[in-house]
N, C-alpha and C. Protein backbone atom coordinates (compact mmCIF):
# COMPACT_ATOMS: atom_id res chain seq x y z
N MET A 1 -7.18 -13.14 -10.17
CA MET A 1 -7.52 -11.95 -9.43
C MET A 1 -6.69 -11.93 -8.15
N SER A 2 -6.00 -10.83 -7.91
CA SER A 2 -5.17 -10.69 -6.71
C SER A 2 -5.24 -9.28 -6.16
N ASN A 3 -5.19 -9.21 -4.85
CA ASN A 3 -5.06 -7.95 -4.14
C ASN A 3 -3.70 -7.98 -3.47
N ILE A 4 -2.84 -7.06 -3.87
CA ILE A 4 -1.44 -7.10 -3.48
C ILE A 4 -1.05 -5.83 -2.74
N VAL A 5 -0.36 -6.02 -1.62
CA VAL A 5 0.21 -4.91 -0.85
C VAL A 5 1.68 -4.79 -1.22
N PHE A 6 2.13 -3.57 -1.46
CA PHE A 6 3.55 -3.28 -1.67
C PHE A 6 3.84 -2.06 -0.80
N ILE A 7 4.58 -2.28 0.29
CA ILE A 7 4.73 -1.20 1.27
C ILE A 7 6.05 -1.35 2.01
N ALA A 8 6.51 -0.26 2.58
CA ALA A 8 7.71 -0.26 3.41
C ALA A 8 7.32 -0.01 4.86
N THR A 9 8.03 -0.67 5.75
CA THR A 9 7.83 -0.46 7.19
C THR A 9 9.17 -0.24 7.86
N SER A 10 9.10 0.34 9.04
CA SER A 10 10.28 0.40 9.89
C SER A 10 10.51 -0.99 10.47
N LEU A 11 11.62 -1.17 11.12
CA LEU A 11 11.94 -2.45 11.75
C LEU A 11 10.89 -2.83 12.79
N ASP A 12 10.29 -1.84 13.43
CA ASP A 12 9.25 -2.11 14.43
C ASP A 12 7.84 -2.04 13.85
N GLY A 13 7.71 -2.11 12.53
CA GLY A 13 6.41 -2.31 11.90
C GLY A 13 5.57 -1.08 11.62
N TYR A 14 6.19 0.11 11.62
CA TYR A 14 5.42 1.33 11.36
C TYR A 14 5.58 1.77 9.90
N ILE A 15 4.50 2.33 9.35
CA ILE A 15 4.54 2.84 7.98
C ILE A 15 4.67 4.36 7.95
N ALA A 16 4.49 5.00 9.08
CA ALA A 16 4.69 6.44 9.24
C ALA A 16 5.13 6.69 10.67
N ASP A 17 5.84 7.79 10.90
CA ASP A 17 6.33 8.08 12.24
C ASP A 17 5.23 8.72 13.11
N LYS A 18 5.59 9.15 14.30
CA LYS A 18 4.61 9.70 15.25
C LYS A 18 3.93 10.97 14.75
N ASN A 19 4.56 11.66 13.79
CA ASN A 19 3.98 12.86 13.20
C ASN A 19 3.35 12.59 11.84
N ASN A 20 3.09 11.32 11.56
CA ASN A 20 2.54 10.87 10.27
C ASN A 20 3.49 11.11 9.11
N GLY A 21 4.76 11.31 9.41
CA GLY A 21 5.75 11.57 8.37
C GLY A 21 6.37 10.30 7.82
N VAL A 22 6.90 10.42 6.60
CA VAL A 22 7.57 9.28 5.96
C VAL A 22 8.99 9.63 5.51
N ASP A 23 9.53 10.74 6.00
CA ASP A 23 10.89 11.14 5.62
C ASP A 23 11.92 10.08 6.00
N TRP A 24 11.65 9.33 7.05
CA TRP A 24 12.57 8.28 7.50
C TRP A 24 12.80 7.22 6.42
N LEU A 25 11.90 7.11 5.45
CA LEU A 25 12.08 6.14 4.37
C LEU A 25 13.36 6.43 3.58
N HIS A 26 13.81 7.67 3.62
CA HIS A 26 15.00 8.07 2.86
C HIS A 26 16.21 8.27 3.77
N SER A 27 16.14 7.75 4.99
CA SER A 27 17.22 7.95 5.95
C SER A 27 18.37 6.97 5.79
N ILE A 28 18.20 5.96 4.99
CA ILE A 28 19.24 4.95 4.79
C ILE A 28 20.08 5.35 3.59
N PRO A 29 21.41 5.34 3.75
CA PRO A 29 22.28 5.72 2.62
C PRO A 29 22.17 4.72 1.46
N GLU A 30 22.59 5.16 0.32
CA GLU A 30 22.68 4.34 -0.89
C GLU A 30 21.33 3.86 -1.40
N THR A 31 20.29 4.67 -1.26
CA THR A 31 18.99 4.28 -1.79
C THR A 31 18.63 5.06 -3.05
N GLU A 32 19.41 6.06 -3.40
CA GLU A 32 19.13 6.87 -4.58
C GLU A 32 19.12 5.98 -5.83
N GLY A 33 18.03 6.01 -6.56
CA GLY A 33 17.93 5.22 -7.78
C GLY A 33 17.55 3.76 -7.55
N LEU A 34 17.38 3.36 -6.32
CA LEU A 34 17.02 1.98 -5.98
C LEU A 34 15.50 1.89 -5.86
N ASP A 35 14.85 1.19 -6.78
CA ASP A 35 13.38 1.16 -6.76
C ASP A 35 12.83 -0.02 -5.96
N LEU A 36 13.66 -0.93 -5.54
CA LEU A 36 13.27 -2.06 -4.69
C LEU A 36 12.13 -2.88 -5.29
N GLY A 37 12.08 -2.95 -6.59
CA GLY A 37 11.07 -3.75 -7.27
C GLY A 37 9.76 -3.03 -7.53
N TYR A 38 9.69 -1.75 -7.21
CA TYR A 38 8.45 -1.01 -7.40
C TYR A 38 8.01 -0.97 -8.87
N ASP A 39 8.94 -0.69 -9.77
CA ASP A 39 8.58 -0.59 -11.19
C ASP A 39 8.00 -1.90 -11.70
N LYS A 40 8.60 -3.01 -11.31
CA LYS A 40 8.09 -4.33 -11.71
C LYS A 40 6.72 -4.57 -11.11
N HIS A 41 6.57 -4.20 -9.84
CA HIS A 41 5.29 -4.39 -9.17
C HIS A 41 4.19 -3.57 -9.84
N ILE A 42 4.43 -2.30 -10.05
CA ILE A 42 3.39 -1.43 -10.62
C ILE A 42 3.05 -1.86 -12.05
N ALA A 43 4.04 -2.37 -12.78
CA ALA A 43 3.77 -2.85 -14.13
C ALA A 43 2.85 -4.07 -14.14
N SER A 44 2.87 -4.84 -13.05
CA SER A 44 2.05 -6.05 -12.98
C SER A 44 0.64 -5.80 -12.46
N THR A 45 0.34 -4.56 -12.06
CA THR A 45 -0.99 -4.27 -11.52
C THR A 45 -1.85 -3.56 -12.56
N ASP A 46 -3.16 -3.68 -12.35
CA ASP A 46 -4.11 -3.02 -13.24
C ASP A 46 -4.59 -1.69 -12.69
N ALA A 47 -4.59 -1.57 -11.36
CA ALA A 47 -5.12 -0.36 -10.72
C ALA A 47 -4.66 -0.32 -9.27
N LEU A 48 -4.75 0.87 -8.68
CA LEU A 48 -4.45 1.07 -7.27
C LEU A 48 -5.73 1.36 -6.52
N VAL A 49 -5.80 0.81 -5.31
CA VAL A 49 -6.89 1.14 -4.39
C VAL A 49 -6.21 1.72 -3.16
N MET A 50 -6.52 2.97 -2.85
CA MET A 50 -5.87 3.61 -1.70
C MET A 50 -6.91 4.34 -0.86
N GLY A 51 -6.53 4.55 0.40
CA GLY A 51 -7.39 5.28 1.31
C GLY A 51 -7.16 6.78 1.21
N ARG A 52 -8.05 7.52 1.83
CA ARG A 52 -8.01 8.98 1.79
C ARG A 52 -6.73 9.53 2.39
N ASN A 53 -6.28 8.98 3.53
CA ASN A 53 -5.05 9.48 4.16
C ASN A 53 -3.85 9.32 3.24
N THR A 54 -3.74 8.19 2.58
CA THR A 54 -2.63 7.97 1.65
C THR A 54 -2.74 8.91 0.46
N PHE A 55 -3.95 9.08 -0.05
CA PHE A 55 -4.16 10.02 -1.15
C PHE A 55 -3.70 11.42 -0.76
N GLU A 56 -4.09 11.88 0.41
CA GLU A 56 -3.70 13.21 0.86
C GLU A 56 -2.19 13.32 1.05
N LEU A 57 -1.56 12.24 1.53
CA LEU A 57 -0.10 12.24 1.67
C LEU A 57 0.56 12.37 0.30
N VAL A 58 0.11 11.58 -0.67
CA VAL A 58 0.68 11.64 -2.02
C VAL A 58 0.48 13.03 -2.62
N CYS A 59 -0.68 13.61 -2.40
CA CYS A 59 -0.95 14.97 -2.92
C CYS A 59 -0.04 16.02 -2.29
N SER A 60 0.48 15.74 -1.09
CA SER A 60 1.34 16.71 -0.42
C SER A 60 2.78 16.67 -0.92
N PHE A 61 3.15 15.63 -1.66
CA PHE A 61 4.51 15.53 -2.19
C PHE A 61 4.73 16.60 -3.25
N ASP A 62 5.94 17.09 -3.33
CA ASP A 62 6.28 18.12 -4.31
C ASP A 62 6.68 17.45 -5.63
N CYS A 63 5.66 16.88 -6.30
CA CYS A 63 5.92 16.22 -7.58
C CYS A 63 4.61 16.14 -8.36
N ASP A 64 4.74 15.77 -9.63
CA ASP A 64 3.55 15.53 -10.44
C ASP A 64 2.86 14.27 -9.95
N TRP A 65 1.61 14.08 -10.34
CA TRP A 65 0.87 12.88 -9.97
C TRP A 65 1.67 11.65 -10.42
N PRO A 66 2.04 10.76 -9.48
CA PRO A 66 3.00 9.70 -9.80
C PRO A 66 2.42 8.45 -10.46
N TYR A 67 1.12 8.37 -10.65
CA TYR A 67 0.53 7.12 -11.12
C TYR A 67 0.03 7.23 -12.55
N THR A 68 0.31 6.19 -13.32
CA THR A 68 -0.21 6.11 -14.68
C THR A 68 -1.37 5.11 -14.75
N LYS A 69 -1.52 4.30 -13.72
CA LYS A 69 -2.62 3.34 -13.65
C LYS A 69 -3.83 4.01 -13.00
N PRO A 70 -5.03 3.47 -13.25
CA PRO A 70 -6.21 4.02 -12.58
C PRO A 70 -6.07 3.92 -11.05
N VAL A 71 -6.52 4.96 -10.36
CA VAL A 71 -6.48 5.00 -8.90
C VAL A 71 -7.91 5.10 -8.40
N PHE A 72 -8.25 4.18 -7.49
CA PHE A 72 -9.57 4.18 -6.86
C PHE A 72 -9.38 4.59 -5.41
N LEU A 73 -9.99 5.69 -5.05
CA LEU A 73 -9.85 6.30 -3.73
C LEU A 73 -11.03 5.86 -2.86
N LEU A 74 -10.72 5.15 -1.78
CA LEU A 74 -11.74 4.71 -0.83
C LEU A 74 -12.00 5.83 0.15
N SER A 75 -13.23 6.30 0.20
CA SER A 75 -13.59 7.30 1.20
C SER A 75 -15.10 7.31 1.37
N ASN A 76 -15.51 7.19 2.61
CA ASN A 76 -16.94 7.29 2.92
C ASN A 76 -17.31 8.71 3.34
N THR A 77 -16.31 9.61 3.40
CA THR A 77 -16.57 10.98 3.84
C THR A 77 -16.42 12.01 2.73
N MET A 78 -15.64 11.73 1.71
CA MET A 78 -15.46 12.69 0.61
C MET A 78 -16.67 12.65 -0.31
N ALA A 79 -17.14 13.82 -0.71
CA ALA A 79 -18.28 13.91 -1.62
C ALA A 79 -17.83 13.96 -3.08
N GLU A 80 -16.63 14.48 -3.30
CA GLU A 80 -16.11 14.59 -4.66
C GLU A 80 -14.60 14.60 -4.65
N ILE A 81 -14.03 14.35 -5.81
CA ILE A 81 -12.58 14.35 -5.97
C ILE A 81 -12.09 15.79 -5.87
N PRO A 82 -11.00 16.02 -5.12
CA PRO A 82 -10.47 17.39 -5.01
C PRO A 82 -10.09 17.96 -6.39
N LYS A 83 -10.24 19.27 -6.50
CA LYS A 83 -9.92 19.97 -7.75
C LYS A 83 -8.49 19.66 -8.18
N GLY A 84 -8.33 19.40 -9.45
CA GLY A 84 -7.02 19.10 -10.02
C GLY A 84 -6.75 17.60 -10.13
N TYR A 85 -7.58 16.79 -9.51
CA TYR A 85 -7.37 15.34 -9.55
C TYR A 85 -8.49 14.62 -10.30
N GLU A 86 -9.40 15.38 -10.88
CA GLU A 86 -10.44 14.79 -11.71
C GLU A 86 -9.77 14.07 -12.87
N GLY A 87 -10.25 12.89 -13.18
CA GLY A 87 -9.67 12.11 -14.27
C GLY A 87 -8.45 11.31 -13.86
N LYS A 88 -7.90 11.61 -12.68
CA LYS A 88 -6.76 10.86 -12.17
C LYS A 88 -7.17 9.86 -11.10
N VAL A 89 -8.27 10.17 -10.42
CA VAL A 89 -8.72 9.39 -9.28
C VAL A 89 -10.22 9.16 -9.40
N ASN A 90 -10.64 7.97 -9.04
CA ASN A 90 -12.07 7.62 -9.02
C ASN A 90 -12.47 7.37 -7.58
N LEU A 91 -13.50 8.03 -7.12
CA LEU A 91 -13.97 7.90 -5.75
C LEU A 91 -14.87 6.67 -5.65
N VAL A 92 -14.57 5.78 -4.68
CA VAL A 92 -15.40 4.60 -4.43
C VAL A 92 -15.70 4.52 -2.95
N ARG A 93 -16.87 3.96 -2.64
CA ARG A 93 -17.27 3.80 -1.25
C ARG A 93 -18.16 2.59 -1.14
N GLY A 94 -18.24 2.08 0.10
CA GLY A 94 -19.12 0.95 0.34
C GLY A 94 -18.37 -0.26 0.85
N ASP A 95 -18.98 -1.40 0.72
CA ASP A 95 -18.43 -2.67 1.19
C ASP A 95 -17.21 -3.06 0.34
N LEU A 96 -16.10 -3.40 1.00
CA LEU A 96 -14.87 -3.71 0.27
C LEU A 96 -15.02 -4.90 -0.67
N LYS A 97 -15.71 -5.94 -0.22
CA LYS A 97 -15.89 -7.11 -1.09
C LYS A 97 -16.66 -6.74 -2.35
N GLU A 98 -17.67 -5.90 -2.20
CA GLU A 98 -18.44 -5.46 -3.37
C GLU A 98 -17.60 -4.57 -4.28
N ILE A 99 -16.78 -3.71 -3.69
CA ILE A 99 -15.91 -2.84 -4.49
C ILE A 99 -14.93 -3.68 -5.29
N VAL A 100 -14.30 -4.65 -4.64
CA VAL A 100 -13.34 -5.52 -5.33
C VAL A 100 -14.03 -6.29 -6.45
N LEU A 101 -15.20 -6.84 -6.18
CA LEU A 101 -15.95 -7.57 -7.21
C LEU A 101 -16.29 -6.66 -8.39
N GLN A 102 -16.73 -5.44 -8.10
CA GLN A 102 -17.06 -4.49 -9.16
C GLN A 102 -15.82 -4.17 -10.00
N LEU A 103 -14.69 -3.91 -9.33
CA LEU A 103 -13.46 -3.60 -10.07
C LEU A 103 -13.01 -4.79 -10.90
N ASN A 104 -13.10 -6.00 -10.32
CA ASN A 104 -12.75 -7.20 -11.08
C ASN A 104 -13.64 -7.35 -12.31
N ASN A 105 -14.93 -7.10 -12.14
CA ASN A 105 -15.87 -7.20 -13.26
C ASN A 105 -15.59 -6.15 -14.34
N GLU A 106 -14.97 -5.04 -13.95
CA GLU A 106 -14.60 -4.00 -14.91
C GLU A 106 -13.25 -4.28 -15.57
N GLY A 107 -12.63 -5.43 -15.23
CA GLY A 107 -11.38 -5.83 -15.86
C GLY A 107 -10.13 -5.55 -15.04
N PHE A 108 -10.28 -5.02 -13.84
CA PHE A 108 -9.12 -4.76 -12.97
C PHE A 108 -8.90 -5.99 -12.10
N GLN A 109 -7.98 -6.85 -12.54
CA GLN A 109 -7.77 -8.14 -11.89
C GLN A 109 -6.65 -8.11 -10.84
N GLN A 110 -5.64 -7.30 -11.06
CA GLN A 110 -4.49 -7.21 -10.15
C GLN A 110 -4.54 -5.84 -9.48
N LEU A 111 -4.98 -5.81 -8.23
CA LEU A 111 -5.16 -4.55 -7.52
C LEU A 111 -4.03 -4.32 -6.52
N TYR A 112 -3.44 -3.16 -6.58
CA TYR A 112 -2.41 -2.73 -5.63
C TYR A 112 -3.14 -2.00 -4.51
N ILE A 113 -3.08 -2.56 -3.32
CA ILE A 113 -3.78 -2.02 -2.16
C ILE A 113 -2.77 -1.21 -1.35
N ASP A 114 -3.08 0.07 -1.08
CA ASP A 114 -2.12 0.95 -0.42
C ASP A 114 -2.81 1.79 0.66
N GLY A 115 -2.09 1.98 1.75
CA GLY A 115 -2.56 2.80 2.86
C GLY A 115 -2.83 1.95 4.09
N GLY A 116 -2.37 2.42 5.23
CA GLY A 116 -2.45 1.65 6.46
C GLY A 116 -3.84 1.17 6.82
N ILE A 117 -4.79 2.08 6.94
CA ILE A 117 -6.15 1.70 7.33
C ILE A 117 -6.79 0.84 6.24
N THR A 118 -6.52 1.17 4.99
CA THR A 118 -7.07 0.40 3.88
C THR A 118 -6.54 -1.03 3.92
N ILE A 119 -5.24 -1.20 4.11
CA ILE A 119 -4.65 -2.53 4.20
C ILE A 119 -5.24 -3.29 5.39
N GLN A 120 -5.35 -2.63 6.53
CA GLN A 120 -5.93 -3.28 7.71
C GLN A 120 -7.36 -3.74 7.45
N ASN A 121 -8.16 -2.90 6.79
CA ASN A 121 -9.55 -3.26 6.49
C ASN A 121 -9.63 -4.40 5.49
N PHE A 122 -8.75 -4.41 4.50
CA PHE A 122 -8.71 -5.53 3.56
C PHE A 122 -8.31 -6.82 4.28
N LEU A 123 -7.34 -6.73 5.18
CA LEU A 123 -6.94 -7.92 5.95
C LEU A 123 -8.08 -8.43 6.84
N LYS A 124 -8.79 -7.53 7.48
CA LYS A 124 -9.91 -7.94 8.34
C LYS A 124 -10.96 -8.72 7.56
N GLN A 125 -11.09 -8.43 6.28
CA GLN A 125 -12.06 -9.14 5.45
C GLN A 125 -11.41 -10.24 4.62
N ASP A 126 -10.15 -10.55 4.93
CA ASP A 126 -9.38 -11.60 4.24
C ASP A 126 -9.37 -11.38 2.73
N LEU A 127 -9.06 -10.15 2.33
CA LEU A 127 -9.03 -9.78 0.92
C LEU A 127 -7.61 -9.53 0.39
N ILE A 128 -6.58 -9.85 1.17
CA ILE A 128 -5.21 -9.67 0.70
C ILE A 128 -4.65 -11.03 0.29
N ASP A 129 -4.14 -11.09 -0.94
CA ASP A 129 -3.59 -12.34 -1.47
C ASP A 129 -2.07 -12.39 -1.38
N GLU A 130 -1.45 -11.22 -1.38
CA GLU A 130 0.02 -11.16 -1.38
C GLU A 130 0.46 -9.87 -0.72
N MET A 131 1.58 -9.94 0.00
CA MET A 131 2.18 -8.74 0.59
C MET A 131 3.67 -8.73 0.28
N ILE A 132 4.13 -7.63 -0.26
CA ILE A 132 5.56 -7.40 -0.46
C ILE A 132 5.92 -6.29 0.52
N ILE A 133 6.67 -6.66 1.54
CA ILE A 133 6.98 -5.72 2.62
C ILE A 133 8.48 -5.47 2.65
N THR A 134 8.84 -4.22 2.43
CA THR A 134 10.24 -3.79 2.48
C THR A 134 10.48 -3.23 3.87
N THR A 135 11.48 -3.77 4.55
CA THR A 135 11.79 -3.33 5.91
C THR A 135 13.01 -2.42 5.89
N ILE A 136 12.79 -1.19 6.36
CA ILE A 136 13.86 -0.21 6.48
C ILE A 136 14.46 -0.37 7.88
N PRO A 137 15.77 -0.57 7.99
CA PRO A 137 16.37 -0.88 9.29
C PRO A 137 16.48 0.34 10.22
N ILE A 138 15.32 0.79 10.67
CA ILE A 138 15.25 1.89 11.61
C ILE A 138 14.11 1.58 12.58
N VAL A 139 14.32 1.87 13.84
CA VAL A 139 13.28 1.70 14.86
C VAL A 139 12.69 3.08 15.13
N LEU A 140 11.41 3.24 14.85
CA LEU A 140 10.75 4.53 15.03
C LEU A 140 10.19 4.70 16.44
N GLY A 141 9.84 3.61 17.09
CA GLY A 141 9.34 3.70 18.46
C GLY A 141 7.89 4.14 18.57
N GLY A 142 7.22 4.28 17.46
CA GLY A 142 5.81 4.67 17.47
C GLY A 142 5.43 5.27 16.14
N GLY A 143 4.14 5.40 15.93
CA GLY A 143 3.64 5.95 14.69
C GLY A 143 2.41 5.21 14.22
N ILE A 144 2.27 5.08 12.91
CA ILE A 144 1.15 4.36 12.33
C ILE A 144 1.62 2.95 11.99
N SER A 145 1.00 1.98 12.63
CA SER A 145 1.37 0.58 12.44
C SER A 145 0.77 0.04 11.15
N LEU A 146 1.51 -0.84 10.50
CA LEU A 146 0.97 -1.50 9.32
C LEU A 146 -0.20 -2.40 9.69
N PHE A 147 -0.06 -3.12 10.77
CA PHE A 147 -1.09 -4.08 11.17
C PHE A 147 -1.81 -3.60 12.41
N GLY A 148 -3.10 -3.80 12.43
CA GLY A 148 -3.92 -3.45 13.59
C GLY A 148 -4.54 -4.69 14.19
N GLU A 149 -5.45 -4.47 15.11
CA GLU A 149 -6.18 -5.57 15.74
C GLU A 149 -7.00 -6.30 14.69
N MET A 150 -7.01 -7.61 14.80
CA MET A 150 -7.81 -8.42 13.88
C MET A 150 -8.61 -9.43 14.67
N GLY A 151 -9.73 -9.82 14.15
CA GLY A 151 -10.58 -10.79 14.81
C GLY A 151 -10.19 -12.22 14.53
N GLN A 152 -9.25 -12.42 13.61
CA GLN A 152 -8.82 -13.76 13.23
C GLN A 152 -7.36 -13.75 12.81
N SER A 153 -6.75 -14.90 12.83
CA SER A 153 -5.39 -15.05 12.33
C SER A 153 -5.45 -15.38 10.85
N LEU A 154 -4.51 -14.85 10.10
CA LEU A 154 -4.39 -15.16 8.68
C LEU A 154 -3.00 -15.71 8.44
N ARG A 155 -2.92 -16.85 7.81
CA ARG A 155 -1.63 -17.48 7.54
C ARG A 155 -1.10 -17.04 6.17
N PHE A 156 0.17 -16.66 6.17
CA PHE A 156 0.89 -16.31 4.95
C PHE A 156 2.17 -17.14 4.91
N ALA A 157 2.71 -17.35 3.73
CA ALA A 157 3.99 -18.02 3.57
C ALA A 157 4.95 -17.07 2.89
N CYS A 158 6.17 -17.00 3.41
CA CYS A 158 7.20 -16.18 2.78
C CYS A 158 7.75 -16.99 1.61
N ILE A 159 7.62 -16.43 0.41
CA ILE A 159 8.07 -17.16 -0.77
C ILE A 159 9.37 -16.62 -1.35
N SER A 160 9.78 -15.43 -0.88
CA SER A 160 11.08 -14.91 -1.29
C SER A 160 11.52 -13.81 -0.34
N SER A 161 12.83 -13.66 -0.24
CA SER A 161 13.45 -12.61 0.57
C SER A 161 14.65 -12.09 -0.19
N GLU A 162 14.85 -10.79 -0.08
CA GLU A 162 16.03 -10.19 -0.69
C GLU A 162 16.62 -9.18 0.28
N VAL A 163 17.94 -9.24 0.43
CA VAL A 163 18.65 -8.29 1.28
C VAL A 163 19.49 -7.40 0.38
N TYR A 164 19.36 -6.10 0.57
CA TYR A 164 20.11 -5.14 -0.21
C TYR A 164 21.36 -4.72 0.56
N GLY A 165 22.37 -4.26 -0.15
CA GLY A 165 23.65 -3.91 0.46
C GLY A 165 23.57 -2.82 1.51
N ASN A 166 22.53 -2.02 1.51
CA ASN A 166 22.40 -0.94 2.47
C ASN A 166 21.62 -1.36 3.73
N GLY A 167 21.35 -2.67 3.86
CA GLY A 167 20.68 -3.17 5.05
C GLY A 167 19.17 -3.30 4.94
N ILE A 168 18.61 -2.85 3.84
CA ILE A 168 17.17 -2.98 3.61
C ILE A 168 16.88 -4.42 3.19
N CYS A 169 15.76 -4.97 3.68
CA CYS A 169 15.36 -6.29 3.22
C CYS A 169 13.92 -6.25 2.73
N GLN A 170 13.60 -7.16 1.85
CA GLN A 170 12.26 -7.21 1.28
C GLN A 170 11.79 -8.66 1.30
N ASN A 171 10.59 -8.86 1.84
CA ASN A 171 10.00 -10.19 1.92
C ASN A 171 8.69 -10.20 1.16
N ARG A 172 8.46 -11.30 0.48
CA ARG A 172 7.23 -11.48 -0.28
C ARG A 172 6.45 -12.63 0.34
N PHE A 173 5.20 -12.34 0.73
CA PHE A 173 4.34 -13.31 1.39
C PHE A 173 3.09 -13.55 0.54
N VAL A 174 2.64 -14.81 0.49
CA VAL A 174 1.38 -15.13 -0.16
C VAL A 174 0.44 -15.74 0.86
N ARG A 175 -0.82 -15.47 0.66
CA ARG A 175 -1.86 -15.95 1.58
C ARG A 175 -2.03 -17.45 1.42
N LYS A 176 -2.05 -18.16 2.54
CA LYS A 176 -2.28 -19.61 2.56
C LYS A 176 -3.71 -19.83 2.99
N ARG A 177 -4.54 -20.27 2.07
CA ARG A 177 -5.96 -20.50 2.38
C ARG A 177 -6.24 -21.97 2.42
């Protein structure tokens, strides 16, 4: 059972700019057709767990629903799945440890955790086993940070790094318990 983060950040650690935008992710040349290991990652997961803000961002993209795996939407404020997303998204709420246990008991062993606040909340409860962080070589100077305040330190070990020809780098960290 693993909870895995796969996310891109700016050089200064932001996952979105000051306007909550992510257009900067495509600001580096020579990224067309470069999946940076996403296809391999998504193939290794059983389901996605994402927060409401990330869900709304994905819904705003001009494309079809991009996920073929089950998506569990964390929200304590939504009463129902928005129209058009029934059958694509499952609404879950409550204690994260209980949600993870329930999903594991339903056979979802490899969970892809996505969304800034969601990742921060999983980290606060020490529920992240692995992080694959792709760093885009741009300094945004502000925005939504990947990491927030935590009540404890969590040790991770970098087990691999890859540098791409366009200056993007990707590091894979595993939790040291």
